[in-house]
Protein backbone atom coordinates (compact mmCIF):
# COMPACT_ATOMS: atom_id res chain seq x y z
CA MET A 1 71.99 93.07 73.55
CA SER A 2 73.82 89.76 73.75
CA ARG A 3 72.60 86.37 74.95
CA VAL A 4 76.12 85.04 75.59
CA LEU A 5 79.05 87.16 76.77
CA VAL A 6 82.66 86.31 77.57
CA ALA A 7 84.90 88.57 79.66
CA SER A 8 88.68 88.33 79.84
CA ASN A 9 91.64 90.60 80.35
CA ARG A 10 93.10 89.83 76.90
CA GLY A 11 90.94 89.81 73.81
CA PRO A 12 91.25 88.14 70.40
CA VAL A 13 93.16 91.02 68.83
CA SER A 14 95.82 93.49 69.93
CA PHE A 15 97.22 96.55 68.19
CA SER A 16 100.55 98.18 67.52
CA THR A 17 101.31 101.50 65.85
CA ALA A 18 103.14 101.59 62.52
CA ASP A 19 105.73 104.24 61.67
CA ASP A 20 103.09 106.22 59.82
CA GLY A 21 100.80 106.19 62.85
CA THR A 22 98.28 103.67 61.55
CA LEU A 23 97.01 100.92 63.80
CA VAL A 24 98.21 97.41 62.98
CA PRO A 25 95.99 94.61 64.38
CA ARG A 26 97.34 91.20 65.35
CA ARG A 27 95.11 88.22 65.95
CA GLY A 28 95.63 86.46 69.25
CA GLY A 29 95.95 82.76 69.99
CA GLY A 30 95.22 80.44 72.87
CA GLY A 31 92.39 78.26 74.02
CA LEU A 32 89.82 81.00 74.50
CA VAL A 33 90.26 82.32 70.96
CA SER A 34 89.84 78.78 69.65
CA ALA A 35 86.80 78.25 71.84
CA LEU A 36 85.03 81.29 70.45
CA ALA A 37 85.87 80.58 66.79
CA GLY A 38 82.53 80.01 65.15
CA ALA A 39 80.73 80.03 68.48
CA GLY A 40 77.91 82.18 67.13
CA GLU A 41 76.39 85.25 68.72
CA VAL A 42 78.95 85.91 71.46
CA LEU A 43 80.13 89.30 72.66
CA TRP A 44 83.70 89.32 73.94
CA VAL A 45 84.50 92.05 76.46
CA CYS A 46 88.21 92.66 77.03
CA ALA A 47 90.61 95.35 78.22
CA ALA A 48 92.84 97.61 76.15
CA LEU A 49 96.34 96.44 77.11
CA SER A 50 98.49 99.08 75.42
CA GLU A 51 98.32 102.65 74.22
CA ALA A 52 97.67 101.37 70.69
CA ASP A 53 94.79 99.27 72.03
CA ARG A 54 93.38 102.32 73.80
CA THR A 55 93.58 104.33 70.60
CA ALA A 56 91.74 101.58 68.74
CA ALA A 57 89.07 101.44 71.44
CA ARG A 58 88.58 105.21 71.42
CA LYS A 59 88.28 105.28 67.62
CA SER A 60 85.70 102.49 67.60
CA PRO A 61 81.99 103.08 68.25
CA ASP A 62 81.67 102.63 72.01
CA GLY A 63 84.74 100.40 71.98
CA ARG A 64 83.26 97.91 69.49
CA ILE A 65 86.40 97.29 67.47
CA ASP A 66 84.63 94.78 65.20
CA GLN A 67 82.31 97.60 64.11
CA ALA A 68 85.31 99.77 63.23
CA GLY A 69 86.39 97.37 60.49
CA HIS A 70 89.17 95.55 62.34
CA ASP A 71 89.65 91.81 61.79
CA THR A 72 88.50 90.12 64.98
CA GLY A 73 87.91 86.70 63.47
CA ASP A 74 84.14 87.26 63.19
CA ALA A 75 83.92 87.89 66.93
CA ALA A 76 81.96 90.81 68.36
CA VAL A 77 84.48 92.57 70.61
CA ARG A 78 84.10 95.45 73.03
CA MET A 79 87.49 96.70 74.18
CA LEU A 80 87.40 98.70 77.41
CA ASP A 81 89.51 101.85 77.58
CA ILE A 82 90.48 101.60 81.25
CA PRO A 83 92.82 104.42 82.35
CA ALA A 84 96.44 103.38 81.87
CA ALA A 85 97.47 103.96 85.50
CA THR A 86 94.48 102.00 86.82
CA PHE A 87 95.19 99.14 84.44
CA GLU A 88 98.90 99.06 85.34
CA ARG A 89 98.24 98.82 89.08
CA ALA A 90 95.42 96.29 88.64
CA TYR A 91 97.29 94.11 86.15
CA ASN A 92 100.93 94.22 87.25
CA GLY A 93 100.53 95.33 90.85
CA MET A 94 97.61 93.16 91.94
CA ALA A 95 96.90 90.41 89.41
CA ASN A 96 100.42 89.48 88.33
CA SER A 97 102.45 90.40 91.41
CA THR A 98 99.98 89.24 94.07
CA LEU A 99 97.29 86.84 92.87
CA TRP A 100 99.56 85.00 90.44
CA PHE A 101 102.20 84.61 93.15
CA VAL A 102 99.69 83.34 95.70
CA HIS A 103 98.01 80.77 93.47
CA HIS A 104 101.35 79.50 92.10
CA MET A 105 102.93 79.62 95.58
CA LEU A 106 105.91 81.63 94.35
CA TYR A 107 106.64 83.91 97.29
CA ASP A 108 110.03 83.87 98.99
CA LEU A 109 108.37 84.04 102.40
CA PRO A 110 111.17 85.53 104.54
CA GLY A 111 111.00 88.69 102.45
CA GLU A 112 107.60 88.73 100.77
CA PRO A 113 104.74 89.43 100.53
CA CYS A 114 104.46 92.78 102.27
CA PHE A 115 101.00 94.32 102.04
CA ASP A 116 101.56 98.02 102.63
CA ALA A 117 99.93 101.26 101.50
CA ARG A 118 101.08 100.70 97.92
CA ALA A 119 99.44 97.27 97.90
CA ARG A 120 96.21 98.89 99.07
CA ARG A 121 96.36 101.31 96.13
CA ASP A 122 96.90 98.40 93.76
CA ARG A 123 93.89 96.70 95.26
CA GLN A 124 91.71 99.78 94.75
CA SER A 125 92.72 99.83 91.10
CA TYR A 126 91.93 96.12 90.82
CA GLU A 127 88.47 96.81 92.22
CA ALA A 128 87.96 99.67 89.73
CA TYR A 129 89.15 97.45 86.88
CA ASN A 130 86.70 94.70 87.83
CA ALA A 131 83.91 97.26 88.21
CA ALA A 132 84.55 98.51 84.66
CA PHE A 133 83.98 94.99 83.35
CA ALA A 134 80.89 94.50 85.50
CA ASP A 135 79.43 97.78 84.20
CA ALA A 136 80.06 96.84 80.55
CA LEU A 137 78.64 93.34 80.95
CA ALA A 138 75.58 94.62 82.80
CA ARG A 139 74.91 97.09 80.00
CA ASP A 140 75.38 94.66 77.11
CA ALA A 141 73.69 91.52 78.44
CA ALA A 142 70.18 90.64 77.36
CA PRO A 143 67.72 89.58 80.09
CA GLY A 144 68.70 86.17 81.44
CA ALA A 145 71.91 86.06 79.37
CA LYS A 146 74.85 83.79 80.11
CA VAL A 147 78.16 85.42 81.05
CA ALA A 148 81.47 83.51 81.21
CA VAL A 149 84.04 85.50 83.24
CA GLN A 150 87.62 84.34 82.84
CA ASP A 151 90.47 84.05 85.28
CA TYR A 152 92.13 85.68 88.27
CA HIS A 153 92.18 89.14 86.69
CA LEU A 154 88.40 89.24 87.13
CA ALA A 155 87.83 87.44 90.44
CA LEU A 156 85.64 90.26 91.78
CA ALA A 157 83.53 90.74 88.65
CA PRO A 158 80.96 87.95 89.23
CA ALA A 159 79.69 89.39 92.54
CA MET A 160 79.77 92.93 91.13
CA LEU A 161 77.81 91.80 88.08
CA ARG A 162 75.26 89.89 90.17
CA GLU A 163 74.65 93.03 92.21
CA ARG A 164 73.99 94.98 89.01
CA ARG A 165 72.08 92.29 87.12
CA PRO A 166 70.68 89.49 89.32
CA ASP A 167 68.81 88.07 86.32
CA LEU A 168 72.01 86.92 84.60
CA ARG A 169 73.51 83.43 84.73
CA ILE A 170 77.19 83.85 85.54
CA ALA A 171 80.15 81.50 85.32
CA HIS A 172 83.70 82.17 86.47
CA PHE A 173 86.64 80.07 85.31
CA SER A 174 90.11 79.97 86.89
CA HIS A 175 92.91 79.16 84.47
CA THR A 176 95.48 79.11 87.28
CA PRO A 177 95.79 76.76 90.23
CA TRP A 178 93.96 77.78 93.38
CA ALA A 179 96.09 78.17 96.50
CA PRO A 180 95.46 75.82 99.44
CA PRO A 181 94.04 77.50 102.57
CA ASP A 182 97.30 77.91 104.48
CA TYR A 183 98.91 79.72 101.54
CA PHE A 184 95.78 81.66 100.59
CA ARG A 185 95.82 83.11 104.12
CA LEU A 186 98.99 85.03 103.23
CA LEU A 187 96.61 87.56 101.72
CA PRO A 188 95.17 90.26 103.98
CA ASP A 189 92.06 88.84 105.62
CA ASP A 190 89.67 91.31 104.00
CA LEU A 191 91.23 90.83 100.56
CA GLY A 192 90.97 87.04 100.79
CA ALA A 193 87.34 87.32 101.81
CA GLU A 194 86.63 89.76 98.99
CA LEU A 195 88.17 87.44 96.38
CA LEU A 196 86.21 84.42 97.58
CA ALA A 197 82.98 86.40 97.73
CA GLY A 198 83.71 87.73 94.25
CA VAL A 199 83.95 84.27 92.69
CA LEU A 200 80.95 83.10 94.73
CA GLY A 201 78.90 85.71 92.94
CA ALA A 202 78.91 83.24 90.05
CA ASP A 203 76.41 80.43 89.62
CA HIS A 204 79.19 78.14 88.44
CA ALA A 205 82.89 78.31 89.35
CA GLY A 206 85.08 76.24 87.04
CA PHE A 207 88.62 74.90 87.46
CA LEU A 208 91.08 73.00 85.30
CA ALA A 209 91.70 70.13 87.71
CA GLU A 210 90.07 68.45 90.67
CA ARG A 211 92.78 69.54 93.09
CA TRP A 212 92.27 73.22 92.29
CA ALA A 213 88.50 72.90 92.77
CA SER A 214 89.06 71.15 96.10
CA ALA A 215 91.47 73.88 97.21
CA PHE A 216 88.88 76.54 96.39
CA LEU A 217 86.22 74.74 98.40
CA ALA A 218 88.62 74.42 101.33
CA CYS A 219 89.37 78.15 101.17
CA CYS A 220 85.66 78.93 101.17
CA GLU A 221 85.46 77.34 104.61
CA LEU A 222 87.54 80.31 105.79
CA LEU A 223 84.78 82.69 104.73
CA PRO A 224 82.40 83.58 107.59
CA GLY A 225 78.87 82.56 106.71
CA ALA A 226 79.82 80.24 103.86
CA ARG A 227 78.41 76.70 103.91
CA VAL A 228 80.52 74.25 101.91
CA ASP A 229 79.30 70.86 100.72
CA HIS A 230 82.37 69.01 99.42
CA ALA A 231 80.37 66.01 98.20
CA ALA A 232 77.97 68.11 96.14
CA ARG A 233 80.71 70.66 95.33
CA THR A 234 78.53 73.60 96.27
CA VAL A 235 78.99 76.72 98.38
CA ARG A 236 76.05 78.62 99.84
CA TYR A 237 76.97 82.21 100.65
CA ALA A 238 74.94 85.41 101.07
CA GLY A 239 71.74 83.61 100.07
CA HIS A 240 73.21 82.30 96.83
CA VAL A 241 74.50 78.84 95.80
CA THR A 242 77.59 78.42 93.63
CA HIS A 243 78.25 75.08 91.97
CA VAL A 244 81.91 74.14 91.48
CA GLY A 245 82.96 72.16 88.42
CA VAL A 246 86.07 70.80 86.70
CA HIS A 247 86.68 71.32 82.98
CA GLY A 248 90.11 70.07 81.89
CA LEU A 249 90.82 72.20 78.84
CA GLY A 250 92.37 70.27 75.95
CA VAL A 251 93.59 71.14 72.47
CA ASP A 252 91.94 71.09 69.05
CA GLY A 253 93.76 68.15 67.49
CA PRO A 254 92.78 68.58 63.82
CA ALA A 255 93.45 72.33 63.84
CA LEU A 256 96.79 71.90 65.60
CA ARG A 257 97.97 69.16 63.24
CA SER A 258 96.89 71.20 60.25
CA ARG A 259 98.87 74.21 61.45
CA ALA A 260 101.88 71.98 62.12
CA SER A 261 101.81 70.89 58.47
CA SER A 262 102.06 74.45 57.16
CA PRO A 263 105.04 75.40 54.97
CA ASP A 264 106.56 77.76 57.57
CA VAL A 265 106.56 75.00 60.18
CA LEU A 266 108.00 72.42 57.78
CA ALA A 267 110.75 74.87 56.83
CA ARG A 268 111.69 75.31 60.48
CA GLU A 269 111.71 71.53 60.94
CA THR A 270 114.22 71.24 58.13
CA SER A 271 116.35 74.02 59.58
CA LEU A 272 116.35 72.46 63.06
CA ARG A 273 117.22 69.02 61.77
CA ASP A 274 120.06 70.45 59.69
CA ARG A 275 121.37 72.20 62.79
CA VAL A 276 121.25 69.26 65.23
CA GLY A 277 121.83 66.36 62.84
CA ASP A 278 120.58 62.93 63.86
CA ARG A 279 120.97 63.55 67.58
CA ARG A 280 118.17 62.79 70.04
CA LEU A 281 116.16 65.86 70.99
CA ILE A 282 114.93 66.92 74.43
CA VAL A 283 112.51 69.81 73.86
CA ARG A 284 110.89 72.35 76.13
CA ILE A 285 108.56 75.16 75.05
CA ASP A 286 107.75 77.73 77.73
CA ARG A 287 107.35 81.33 78.68
CA THR A 288 110.13 82.86 80.77
CA GLU A 289 107.72 82.72 83.68
CA LEU A 290 108.84 82.04 87.25
CA SER A 291 106.43 79.14 87.66
CA LYS A 292 107.72 77.29 84.59
CA ASN A 293 110.90 76.17 86.38
CA ILE A 294 113.27 76.50 83.43
CA VAL A 295 116.41 76.90 85.56
CA ARG A 296 115.83 73.63 87.44
CA GLY A 297 115.09 71.95 84.12
CA LEU A 298 118.46 73.10 82.80
CA ALA A 299 120.12 71.88 85.99
CA ALA A 300 118.55 68.46 85.43
CA TYR A 301 119.93 68.35 81.88
CA ARG A 302 123.35 69.31 83.19
CA GLU A 303 123.17 66.47 85.73
CA LEU A 304 122.15 64.07 82.96
CA LEU A 305 125.27 64.98 80.97
CA THR A 306 127.44 64.72 84.10
CA ASP A 307 126.12 61.33 85.24
CA HIS A 308 125.77 59.82 81.76
CA PRO A 309 128.67 60.87 79.54
CA GLU A 310 127.48 58.29 77.02
CA TRP A 311 125.00 60.93 75.85
CA HIS A 312 127.73 63.42 74.98
CA GLY A 313 127.47 64.21 71.30
CA ARG A 314 124.27 62.16 70.99
CA VAL A 315 121.63 64.50 72.42
CA THR A 316 120.68 68.16 72.10
CA HIS A 317 118.35 70.09 74.38
CA LEU A 318 116.16 72.66 72.61
CA VAL A 319 114.79 75.35 74.92
CA PHE A 320 112.46 77.70 73.09
CA ALA A 321 111.00 80.36 75.37
CA TYR A 322 108.65 83.27 74.92
CA PRO A 323 109.44 86.52 76.77
CA SER A 324 107.03 87.03 79.66
CA ARG A 325 106.12 90.12 81.69
CA THR A 326 109.30 91.95 80.82
CA ASP A 327 107.98 95.08 82.52
CA LEU A 328 108.49 93.36 85.91
CA ALA A 329 112.06 93.34 87.26
CA VAL A 330 111.75 89.87 88.82
CA TYR A 331 110.90 88.39 85.43
CA ARG A 332 113.80 90.12 83.72
CA ALA A 333 116.11 88.75 86.41
CA TYR A 334 114.72 85.25 85.90
CA THR A 335 115.32 85.42 82.16
CA ASP A 336 118.90 86.48 82.87
CA ALA A 337 119.30 83.47 85.18
CA VAL A 338 118.05 81.15 82.42
CA LEU A 339 120.55 82.57 79.94
CA ARG A 340 123.44 82.41 82.43
CA THR A 341 122.72 78.79 83.29
CA ALA A 342 122.50 77.91 79.60
CA ALA A 343 125.83 79.62 78.90
CA ASP A 344 127.48 77.66 81.71
CA ILE A 345 126.23 74.34 80.29
CA ARG A 346 127.42 75.18 76.80
CA ALA A 347 130.81 76.22 78.14
CA GLU A 348 131.16 73.05 80.21
CA PHE A 349 130.05 70.46 77.66
CA GLY A 350 130.06 72.01 74.19
CA THR A 351 132.63 70.94 71.61
CA ALA A 352 133.59 72.04 68.14
CA ASP A 353 131.17 69.56 66.58
CA TRP A 354 128.45 69.29 69.27
CA GLU A 355 126.01 71.92 70.45
CA PRO A 356 124.54 70.36 73.60
CA LEU A 357 122.03 73.13 74.27
CA ILE A 358 120.15 75.61 72.10
CA VAL A 359 118.26 78.35 73.93
CA GLU A 360 116.25 81.02 72.11
CA VAL A 361 114.08 83.60 73.86
CA ASN A 362 111.70 85.12 71.32
CA ASP A 363 108.20 84.72 69.95
CA ASP A 364 108.13 82.07 67.19
CA TYR A 365 105.10 79.78 67.17
CA PRO A 366 106.01 77.90 63.96
CA ARG A 367 109.40 77.10 65.51
CA SER A 368 107.66 75.67 68.57
CA LEU A 369 105.46 73.43 66.44
CA ALA A 370 108.51 72.23 64.51
CA ALA A 371 110.25 71.36 67.78
CA TYR A 372 107.18 69.43 68.97
CA ALA A 373 107.20 67.42 65.76
CA LEU A 374 110.87 66.43 66.14
CA ALA A 375 111.01 65.86 69.91
CA ASP A 376 112.08 62.52 71.33
CA VAL A 377 111.48 63.85 74.85
CA LEU A 378 109.25 66.73 75.93
CA LEU A 379 110.15 68.25 79.30
CA VAL A 380 107.36 70.07 81.17
CA ASN A 381 108.37 70.65 84.80
CA PRO A 382 106.50 73.67 86.23
CA VAL A 383 106.60 74.24 89.96
CA ARG A 384 102.83 74.73 89.72
CA ASP A 385 100.50 75.17 86.74
CA GLY A 386 96.76 75.34 86.25
CA MET A 387 96.92 72.98 83.27
CA ASN A 388 99.91 73.47 80.90
CA LEU A 389 98.82 73.04 77.30
CA VAL A 390 102.40 72.46 76.14
CA ALA A 391 102.12 69.01 77.71
CA LYS A 392 99.05 68.39 75.57
CA GLU A 393 100.18 70.06 72.34
CA GLY A 394 103.49 68.19 72.11
CA PRO A 395 102.09 64.63 71.90
CA VAL A 396 99.43 65.75 69.40
CA VAL A 397 102.01 67.23 66.99
CA SER A 398 104.76 64.62 67.51
CA ARG A 399 105.68 62.78 64.32
CA ASP A 400 107.22 59.58 65.69
CA GLY A 401 106.09 59.77 69.30
CA CYS A 402 107.70 61.61 72.20
CA THR A 403 108.12 60.69 75.84
CA LEU A 404 106.58 63.26 78.18
CA VAL A 405 108.49 64.10 81.37
CA LEU A 406 105.84 65.92 83.35
CA SER A 407 105.71 67.73 86.70
CA ARG A 408 103.20 66.26 89.10
CA GLU A 409 102.34 69.87 90.01
CA ALA A 410 100.85 70.62 86.58
CA GLY A 411 97.10 70.30 86.25
CA ALA A 412 97.78 68.25 83.10
CA ALA A 413 99.18 65.47 85.31
CA ALA A 414 95.60 64.52 86.22
CA ASP A 415 94.86 63.81 82.54
CA LEU A 416 98.26 62.63 81.30
CA GLY A 417 100.09 61.21 84.31
CA GLU A 418 99.38 57.56 83.48
CA ASP A 419 101.49 57.66 80.28
CA ALA A 420 103.97 60.37 81.26
CA LEU A 421 107.06 60.07 83.43
CA THR A 422 105.96 62.23 86.35
CA VAL A 423 108.50 64.06 88.49
CA ASN A 424 108.73 66.28 91.54
CA PRO A 425 109.67 69.61 89.92
CA PHE A 426 111.97 70.51 92.82
CA ASP A 427 113.93 67.24 92.56
CA VAL A 428 116.62 67.94 89.98
CA SER A 429 118.19 64.48 90.32
CA GLN A 430 114.86 62.73 89.83
CA THR A 431 114.21 64.84 86.74
CA ALA A 432 117.65 64.02 85.35
CA ALA A 433 116.96 60.30 85.89
CA ALA A 434 113.59 60.65 84.13
CA LEU A 435 115.28 62.29 81.14
CA HIS A 436 117.71 59.38 80.96
CA GLN A 437 114.84 56.88 81.18
CA ALA A 438 112.95 58.77 78.48
CA LEU A 439 115.91 58.71 76.12
CA LEU A 440 116.29 54.95 76.61
CA MET A 441 112.59 54.16 76.06
CA PRO A 442 112.09 51.85 73.03
CA ALA A 443 110.58 53.58 70.02
CA ASP A 444 107.46 51.39 69.91
CA VAL A 445 106.72 51.93 73.60
CA ARG A 446 107.28 55.66 73.23
CA ALA A 447 104.95 55.84 70.22
CA ALA A 448 102.18 53.89 71.97
CA ARG A 449 102.34 56.05 75.07
CA CYS A 450 102.38 59.21 72.96
CA ALA A 451 99.28 58.10 71.05
CA ARG A 452 97.41 57.62 74.32
CA LEU A 453 98.62 61.03 75.53
CA ALA A 454 97.35 62.66 72.34
CA GLU A 455 93.96 60.98 72.74
CA ARG A 456 93.57 62.33 76.27
CA ALA A 457 94.92 65.75 75.28
CA THR A 458 92.12 66.24 72.75
CA ALA A 459 89.28 64.90 74.92
CA LEU A 460 87.90 68.38 75.72
CA PRO A 461 88.94 70.80 72.96
CA PRO A 462 88.41 74.53 73.49
CA ARG A 463 84.98 74.82 71.92
CA ALA A 464 83.61 71.87 73.91
CA TRP A 465 85.33 73.25 77.02
CA LEU A 466 83.50 76.58 76.74
CA ALA A 467 80.25 74.84 75.85
CA ALA A 468 80.52 72.75 79.03
CA GLN A 469 80.80 75.88 81.15
CA LEU A 470 77.80 77.50 79.48
CA ALA A 471 75.79 74.27 79.73
CA ALA A 472 76.51 74.17 83.48
CA LEU A 473 74.52 77.40 83.77
CA ASP A 474 71.37 75.61 82.58
């Protein structure tokens, strides 16, 4: 039985099936993987996300894929074989199409949301999905163990786990924003109450920024019987007290710089520089996710070129995006809108010897690191974001210093806003003006600001971030 357990939808490894039917593992990335690297005796409980994952889980002793010989980076991993239909409704129907939209405030309110019978079925699957995690954690946890439950996929799991194992010390961490009360109330009343009560099953509820923690506390005031103390950041509910904390996840500076010096990254740097010449570079690295605001960012670049023709031939915008949630029609449509807008800009401004805009939508991490290294300007303009690690990674990897144009609606603005050029993500003209200002910034000023950004970006690297959550349970 384990003394420390971590639960998340996605684990440290995923599988695909080769032509000969063998399972091919692929190590995952991200802050949580970094946090658990070398963290000692930790059991990671995650869901099987694909049919290949489910096959791997079934072929492993009780889902322990580390015990089946797969490379999990020295992590003990139990992968849960949740029925495919249940997972699909819980993940895409409830988590990604409801909770994500609420917390990022993405709904087009005249037409959505519409909580009908199908939504109720999705909710039942979400409850079953959370219960599967609670059952696994309850079974694997040693008496008095610490359990760190991650994100909106598992908002119900803390209360379910406390009901099963009241001896455990439970933390829940939200990697997304938390919706303010007026927007949170879009949810059906009983669903909103269930989500709040679910998180309040934890001893410690963590958030990436102060404003998200404050929004959660304000929403808890909607819950009958809850007593909220904003000064102490506590909520007493159902005879239990939950402490609310803020842990602004940063990046592992030495590891990131080391990876950025790898031969594959340096080769991509050379290729990019050969392609764009000595032009100034405005870079964005994103997923094709609705909240990332890529289309408005492209519109701002177009306005920059319209208002300031002196930049024609002297600047190139690199937009490197990772496909996101392609099984949802609204995301496919958004990707199409990004590509259409990009094509219009190239058609309007491109010349035989100048490529004003380069857009690539595929998965290429070394390419992203190369772009960070070369960027003169890094554009990060989400409509709403829990943190946004791109804003932190870019300054850390930058070779000569980049200017960060940053949305005030990103959680990272709380850490980085002093040395970034902050913008309203809905104000295209303001963003265009900030890009112009960033391009004009003297090199020594840009380098000094970037150095301060990098220092703040590495203040709470992943391992220290997870340790802070676990320490809060003491």
